[in-house]
Protein backbone atom coordinates (compact mmCIF):
# COMPACT_ATOMS: atom_id res chain seq x y z
CA UNK A 1 136.52 113.05 98.52
CA UNK A 2 134.89 111.11 101.37
CA UNK A 3 132.57 109.38 98.89
CA UNK A 4 135.56 108.40 96.73
CA UNK A 5 137.40 106.97 99.74
CA UNK A 6 134.39 104.88 100.77
CA UNK A 7 133.99 103.69 97.19
CA UNK A 8 137.62 102.59 97.02
CA UNK A 9 137.29 100.73 100.31
CA UNK A 10 134.11 99.03 99.07
CA UNK A 11 135.77 97.93 95.85
CA UNK A 12 138.75 96.60 97.78
CA UNK A 13 136.46 94.55 100.01
CA UNK A 14 134.74 93.09 96.95
CA UNK A 15 138.11 92.22 95.43
CA UNK A 16 139.21 90.45 98.61
CA UNK A 17 135.92 88.53 98.76
CA UNK A 18 136.26 87.35 95.15
CA UNK A 19 139.89 86.39 95.74
CA UNK A 20 138.92 84.32 98.76
CA UNK A 21 136.13 82.60 96.85
CA UNK A 22 138.48 81.73 93.97
CA UNK A 23 141.28 80.61 96.28
CA UNK A 24 140.85 76.84 95.91
CA UNK A 25 141.29 77.10 92.13
CA UNK A 26 144.00 79.78 92.02
CA UNK A 27 147.32 78.79 90.40
CA UNK A 28 149.01 81.43 92.53
CA UNK A 29 147.69 79.71 95.65
CA UNK A 30 149.48 76.45 94.92
CA UNK A 31 152.48 75.26 96.91
CA UNK A 32 155.13 75.27 94.18
CA UNK A 33 157.77 73.82 96.51
CA UNK A 34 156.10 70.41 96.71
CA UNK A 35 155.09 67.98 93.98
CA UNK A 36 151.60 66.53 93.86
CA UNK A 37 152.95 63.17 94.98
CA UNK A 38 154.73 64.72 97.97
CA UNK A 39 151.56 66.53 99.02
CA UNK A 40 149.43 63.38 98.75
CA UNK A 41 151.95 61.26 100.65
CA UNK A 42 152.30 63.89 103.37
CA UNK A 43 148.52 64.00 103.78
CA UNK A 44 147.99 60.26 104.07
CA UNK A 45 151.10 59.55 106.17
CA UNK A 46 149.23 59.77 109.46
CA UNK A 47 146.01 58.21 108.18
CA UNK A 48 144.95 55.04 109.95
CA UNK A 49 144.02 52.87 107.01
CA UNK A 50 144.91 52.15 103.39
CA UNK A 51 144.43 54.74 100.65
CA UNK A 52 144.24 54.00 96.91
CA UNK A 53 143.93 56.78 94.32
CA UNK A 54 143.74 57.49 90.63
CA UNK A 55 142.81 60.83 89.09
CA UNK A 56 142.86 62.38 85.63
CA UNK A 57 142.27 65.84 84.21
CA UNK A 58 140.04 64.96 81.26
CA UNK A 59 140.91 68.22 79.52
CA UNK A 60 144.72 68.01 79.69
CA UNK A 61 145.29 64.29 80.13
CA UNK A 62 147.39 64.82 83.28
CA UNK A 63 147.12 61.89 85.71
CA UNK A 64 148.13 60.89 89.21
CA UNK A 65 148.09 57.52 90.90
CA UNK A 66 148.85 56.10 94.32
CA UNK A 67 147.94 52.44 94.46
CA UNK A 68 146.02 53.09 91.25
CA UNK A 69 145.82 49.40 90.35
CA UNK A 70 145.00 48.11 93.83
CA UNK A 71 142.09 45.68 93.91
CA UNK A 72 139.66 47.52 96.16
CA UNK A 73 136.27 46.83 97.71
CA UNK A 74 133.80 48.98 95.87
CA UNK A 75 130.90 49.15 98.31
CA UNK A 76 128.16 51.15 96.54
CA UNK A 77 130.41 52.61 93.83
CA UNK A 78 129.78 49.37 91.88
CA UNK A 79 126.24 50.65 91.35
CA UNK A 80 127.67 52.72 88.49
CA UNK A 81 128.29 49.45 86.65
CA UNK A 82 124.74 48.26 87.38
CA UNK A 83 123.38 51.56 86.02
CA UNK A 84 125.38 51.09 82.82
CA UNK A 85 124.03 47.59 82.30
CA UNK A 86 120.47 48.86 82.73
CA UNK A 87 120.96 51.53 80.06
CA UNK A 88 122.62 48.99 77.77
CA UNK A 89 119.84 46.41 78.07
CA UNK A 90 117.21 49.08 77.41
CA UNK A 91 119.12 50.19 74.30
CA UNK A 92 119.36 46.57 73.12
CA UNK A 93 115.62 46.02 73.64
CA UNK A 94 116.12 43.33 76.28
CA UNK A 95 114.15 45.33 78.87
CA UNK A 96 112.09 48.50 78.94
CA UNK A 97 112.31 51.41 81.33
CA UNK A 98 108.59 51.00 81.90
CA UNK A 99 108.90 47.35 83.00
CA UNK A 100 107.49 47.02 86.49
CA UNK A 101 109.30 45.60 89.50
CA UNK A 102 107.36 44.75 92.66
CA UNK A 103 108.52 45.66 96.14
CA UNK A 104 107.80 42.81 98.52
CA UNK A 105 108.69 42.31 102.15
CA UNK A 106 111.19 39.63 101.18
CA UNK A 107 113.05 42.00 98.84
CA UNK A 108 113.65 44.71 101.43
CA UNK A 109 117.21 44.99 102.72
CA UNK A 110 118.81 47.32 105.22
CA UNK A 111 121.33 50.08 104.78
CA UNK A 112 120.91 53.09 102.56
CA UNK A 113 117.71 53.97 100.73
CA UNK A 114 114.03 54.53 101.36
CA UNK A 115 112.24 51.53 99.83
CA UNK A 116 112.82 49.44 102.95
CA UNK A 117 110.50 51.85 104.78
CA UNK A 118 107.70 51.90 102.19
CA UNK A 119 104.63 49.70 101.89
CA UNK A 120 104.82 46.12 100.66
CA UNK A 121 103.63 45.36 97.12
CA UNK A 122 104.54 48.83 95.84
CA UNK A 123 105.17 48.68 92.10
CA UNK A 124 107.94 50.70 90.49
CA UNK A 125 109.33 50.91 86.99
CA UNK A 126 112.84 49.75 86.22
CA UNK A 127 113.77 53.39 85.65
CA UNK A 128 112.52 54.25 89.14
CA UNK A 129 114.65 51.50 90.64
CA UNK A 130 117.80 52.60 88.80
CA UNK A 131 117.19 56.24 89.72
CA UNK A 132 116.79 55.39 93.41
CA UNK A 133 119.88 53.18 93.24
CA UNK A 134 121.98 56.14 92.15
CA UNK A 135 120.53 59.28 93.72
CA UNK A 136 119.96 57.84 97.23
CA UNK A 137 122.04 54.65 96.86
CA UNK A 138 118.95 52.57 97.64
CA UNK A 139 120.05 49.01 98.40
CA UNK A 140 116.62 47.47 97.89
CA UNK A 141 116.26 49.24 94.53
CA UNK A 142 119.71 47.96 93.58
CA UNK A 143 118.71 44.38 94.28
CA UNK A 144 115.48 44.80 92.33
CA UNK A 145 117.48 46.05 89.36
CA UNK A 146 120.01 43.22 89.63
CA UNK A 147 117.15 40.70 89.72
CA UNK A 148 116.16 41.96 86.28
CA UNK A 149 119.63 42.50 84.79
CA UNK A 150 121.68 39.74 86.56
CA UNK A 151 125.13 40.21 88.06
CA UNK A 152 126.79 38.11 85.34
CA UNK A 153 125.41 40.45 82.67
CA UNK A 154 126.86 43.44 84.53
CA UNK A 155 130.26 41.76 84.58
CA UNK A 156 130.10 40.78 80.91
CA UNK A 157 129.40 44.44 80.11
CA UNK A 158 132.43 45.59 82.09
CA UNK A 159 134.54 43.03 80.25
CA UNK A 160 133.27 44.35 76.90
CA UNK A 161 134.41 47.82 77.95
CA UNK A 162 137.92 46.52 78.55
CA UNK A 163 137.65 46.50 82.34
CA UNK A 164 139.21 43.40 83.89
CA UNK A 165 138.89 44.27 87.57
CA UNK A 166 135.44 45.84 87.85
CA UNK A 167 133.04 43.12 88.92
CA UNK A 168 129.73 42.84 90.75
CA UNK A 169 129.86 39.87 93.10
CA UNK A 170 126.25 39.62 94.26
CA UNK A 171 123.23 41.55 95.41
CA UNK A 172 123.47 43.80 98.45
CA UNK A 173 123.70 41.69 101.63
CA UNK A 174 123.69 38.45 99.66
CA UNK A 175 121.94 36.44 96.97
CA UNK A 176 122.11 36.62 93.19
CA UNK A 177 125.81 35.71 93.16
CA UNK A 178 127.74 36.13 89.94
CA UNK A 179 130.24 33.52 88.75
CA UNK A 180 132.97 35.87 90.02
CA UNK A 181 131.24 36.17 93.35
CA UNK A 182 131.30 32.42 93.87
CA UNK A 183 135.09 32.29 93.68
CA UNK A 184 136.62 31.95 97.18
CA UNK A 185 139.25 34.62 96.48
CA UNK A 186 136.53 37.20 95.79
CA UNK A 187 134.57 36.71 99.02
CA UNK A 188 136.61 39.40 100.76
CA UNK A 189 135.35 42.07 98.38
CA UNK A 190 131.72 41.76 99.39
CA UNK A 191 129.45 43.54 96.92
CA UNK A 192 132.01 44.39 94.29
CA UNK A 193 135.63 44.76 93.21
CA UNK A 194 137.45 47.29 91.07
CA UNK A 195 140.56 49.47 90.98
CA UNK A 196 140.83 53.27 91.11
CA UNK A 197 142.27 53.34 87.58
CA UNK A 198 139.38 51.32 86.14
CA UNK A 199 136.74 53.42 87.86
CA UNK A 200 138.26 56.58 86.39
CA UNK A 201 138.40 54.88 82.98
CA UNK A 202 134.70 54.13 83.30
CA UNK A 203 133.91 57.73 84.28
CA UNK A 204 135.97 59.04 81.38
CA UNK A 205 134.14 56.80 78.91
CA UNK A 206 130.82 58.12 80.22
CA UNK A 207 131.95 61.73 80.04
CA UNK A 208 133.17 61.25 76.46
CA UNK A 209 129.89 59.61 75.40
CA UNK A 210 131.44 56.20 74.73
CA UNK A 211 129.16 53.97 76.83
CA UNK A 212 126.04 52.57 75.13
CA UNK A 213 125.59 55.80 73.12
CA UNK A 214 126.41 59.48 73.41
CA UNK A 215 122.84 60.22 74.54
CA UNK A 216 122.79 57.40 77.10
CA UNK A 217 126.21 58.40 78.44
CA UNK A 218 125.04 61.96 78.90
CA UNK A 219 121.91 60.79 80.70
CA UNK A 220 123.97 58.64 83.05
CA UNK A 221 126.33 61.53 83.85
CA UNK A 222 123.30 63.72 84.59
CA UNK A 223 121.97 61.04 86.91
CA UNK A 224 125.29 60.96 88.78
CA UNK A 225 125.10 64.74 89.12
CA UNK A 226 121.77 64.32 90.91
CA UNK A 227 122.97 61.87 93.55
CA UNK A 228 122.51 63.40 96.96
CA UNK A 229 125.50 62.41 99.10
CA UNK A 230 128.42 64.84 98.98
CA UNK A 231 130.34 64.23 102.18
CA UNK A 232 133.44 62.96 100.35
CA UNK A 233 135.16 64.33 97.25
CA UNK A 234 134.51 68.01 96.62
CA UNK A 235 132.78 68.38 99.97
CA UNK A 236 134.35 71.77 100.73
CA UNK A 237 133.86 73.27 97.28
CA UNK A 238 131.11 75.78 96.61
CA UNK A 239 129.31 76.30 93.30
CA UNK A 240 131.02 73.37 91.61
CA UNK A 241 129.15 70.61 89.75
CA UNK A 242 130.03 67.05 90.75
CA UNK A 243 128.92 63.80 89.10
CA UNK A 244 129.78 61.07 91.57
CA UNK A 245 128.88 57.91 93.44
CA UNK A 246 130.17 57.28 96.97
CA UNK A 247 130.36 54.03 98.88
CA UNK A 248 130.61 53.16 102.56
CA UNK A 249 131.23 50.16 104.81
CA UNK A 250 132.19 50.02 108.47
CA UNK A 251 135.91 50.29 107.70
CA UNK A 252 135.68 51.91 104.26
CA UNK A 253 134.77 55.16 102.56
CA UNK A 254 135.14 55.54 98.80
CA UNK A 255 134.07 57.99 96.15
CA UNK A 256 134.29 58.00 92.36
CA UNK A 257 133.32 61.01 90.32
CA UNK A 258 134.06 63.94 88.05
CA UNK A 259 134.47 67.40 89.54
CA UNK A 260 133.83 70.13 86.97
CA UNK A 261 136.26 72.84 88.04
CA UNK A 262 137.62 75.99 86.35
CA UNK A 263 140.93 74.09 86.20
CA UNK A 264 139.44 71.22 84.21
CA UNK A 265 137.16 68.22 84.51
CA UNK A 266 138.96 66.19 87.16
CA UNK A 267 137.89 62.53 87.31
CA UNK A 268 138.96 60.68 90.42
CA UNK A 269 138.46 57.46 92.34
CA UNK A 270 139.63 57.27 95.94
CA UNK A 271 139.23 54.43 98.42
CA UNK A 272 140.03 54.68 102.13
CA UNK A 273 139.83 51.20 103.65
CA UNK A 274 141.00 49.25 106.70
CA UNK A 275 140.06 52.04 109.11
CA UNK A 276 140.22 50.74 112.70
CA UNK A 277 137.23 52.67 114.07
CA UNK A 278 133.61 52.41 112.97
CA UNK A 279 132.30 55.98 112.74
CA UNK A 280 129.00 56.60 110.93
CA UNK A 281 129.06 60.40 110.98
CA UNK A 282 130.16 63.08 108.54
CA UNK A 283 133.35 63.43 110.56
CA UNK A 284 134.49 59.95 109.61
CA UNK A 285 138.26 60.21 108.94
CA UNK A 286 137.79 58.56 105.56
CA UNK A 287 135.29 61.18 104.43
CA UNK A 288 137.56 63.99 105.59
CA UNK A 289 140.47 62.36 103.76
CA UNK A 290 138.43 62.01 100.55
CA UNK A 291 137.65 65.71 100.62
CA UNK A 292 141.20 66.87 101.34
CA UNK A 293 142.69 64.58 98.71
CA UNK A 294 140.16 65.83 96.14
CA UNK A 295 141.30 69.40 96.85
CA UNK A 296 144.97 68.42 96.43
CA UNK A 297 144.25 66.51 93.21
CA UNK A 298 142.31 69.40 91.70
CA UNK A 299 145.10 71.77 92.62
CA UNK A 300 147.87 69.51 91.37
CA UNK A 301 146.24 68.37 88.12
CA UNK A 302 144.52 71.64 87.23
CA UNK A 303 145.58 73.33 84.02
């Protein structure tokens, strides 16, 4: 009898543990009294800054937008477009993954990445540069890739995909300006411009194998899954695969990606800009907002 009682208690504890682990994705855990829009608006009401959002459940087609068509500064999320152009030019035979790019002192730029700290005259392949650009958001590697591909080619590719707002303006910290980047009205965007809706459209095309080729699209998604910064969307989730690319500036935090949840593949693009304080820690209010909004979007759009 005592053994049976202990066994029952043990099984109950296991059940509670599993219930707690599944809580973020539980339909029963949702607040049925509030709509998704009400929950998002309530969350961002006290936020010091501007928030723009678009999200889509790629399995059900359900969407949500708040400032979905806002023209936003991309920061490093525009590197997704650069990655796409690299894969496209390789497929078209214009460049090869094995083509070498040389790291010189003059090419090193600050910010994220590791190449700025490595020896001068290091030689990398184009594939190495693109990989570093995505998985550690290496700014020097990005510029090396753009030197090969050109910013105008990146923009022409986005245009061919039906994207009117997604544009690379220049290299990181200047130089290599595109025609779009030379326009006075685009100076305020810095590295790049897009909208949450267009970034989700781009992610969806990749996930559905519609960019360059099915094989190339899959390889690009896998590369996004390997990127190493997860302080934004999906930050609080455990055991969930995320394919994403974040971006950061003094007053901005953004993240675009697909979160592969039991409730569906939720693609989202969120930008938090115009924040009054410069905080370069993981407790940045923008990062915390990205995470909380991703939880709400998963919950509200989940099937």
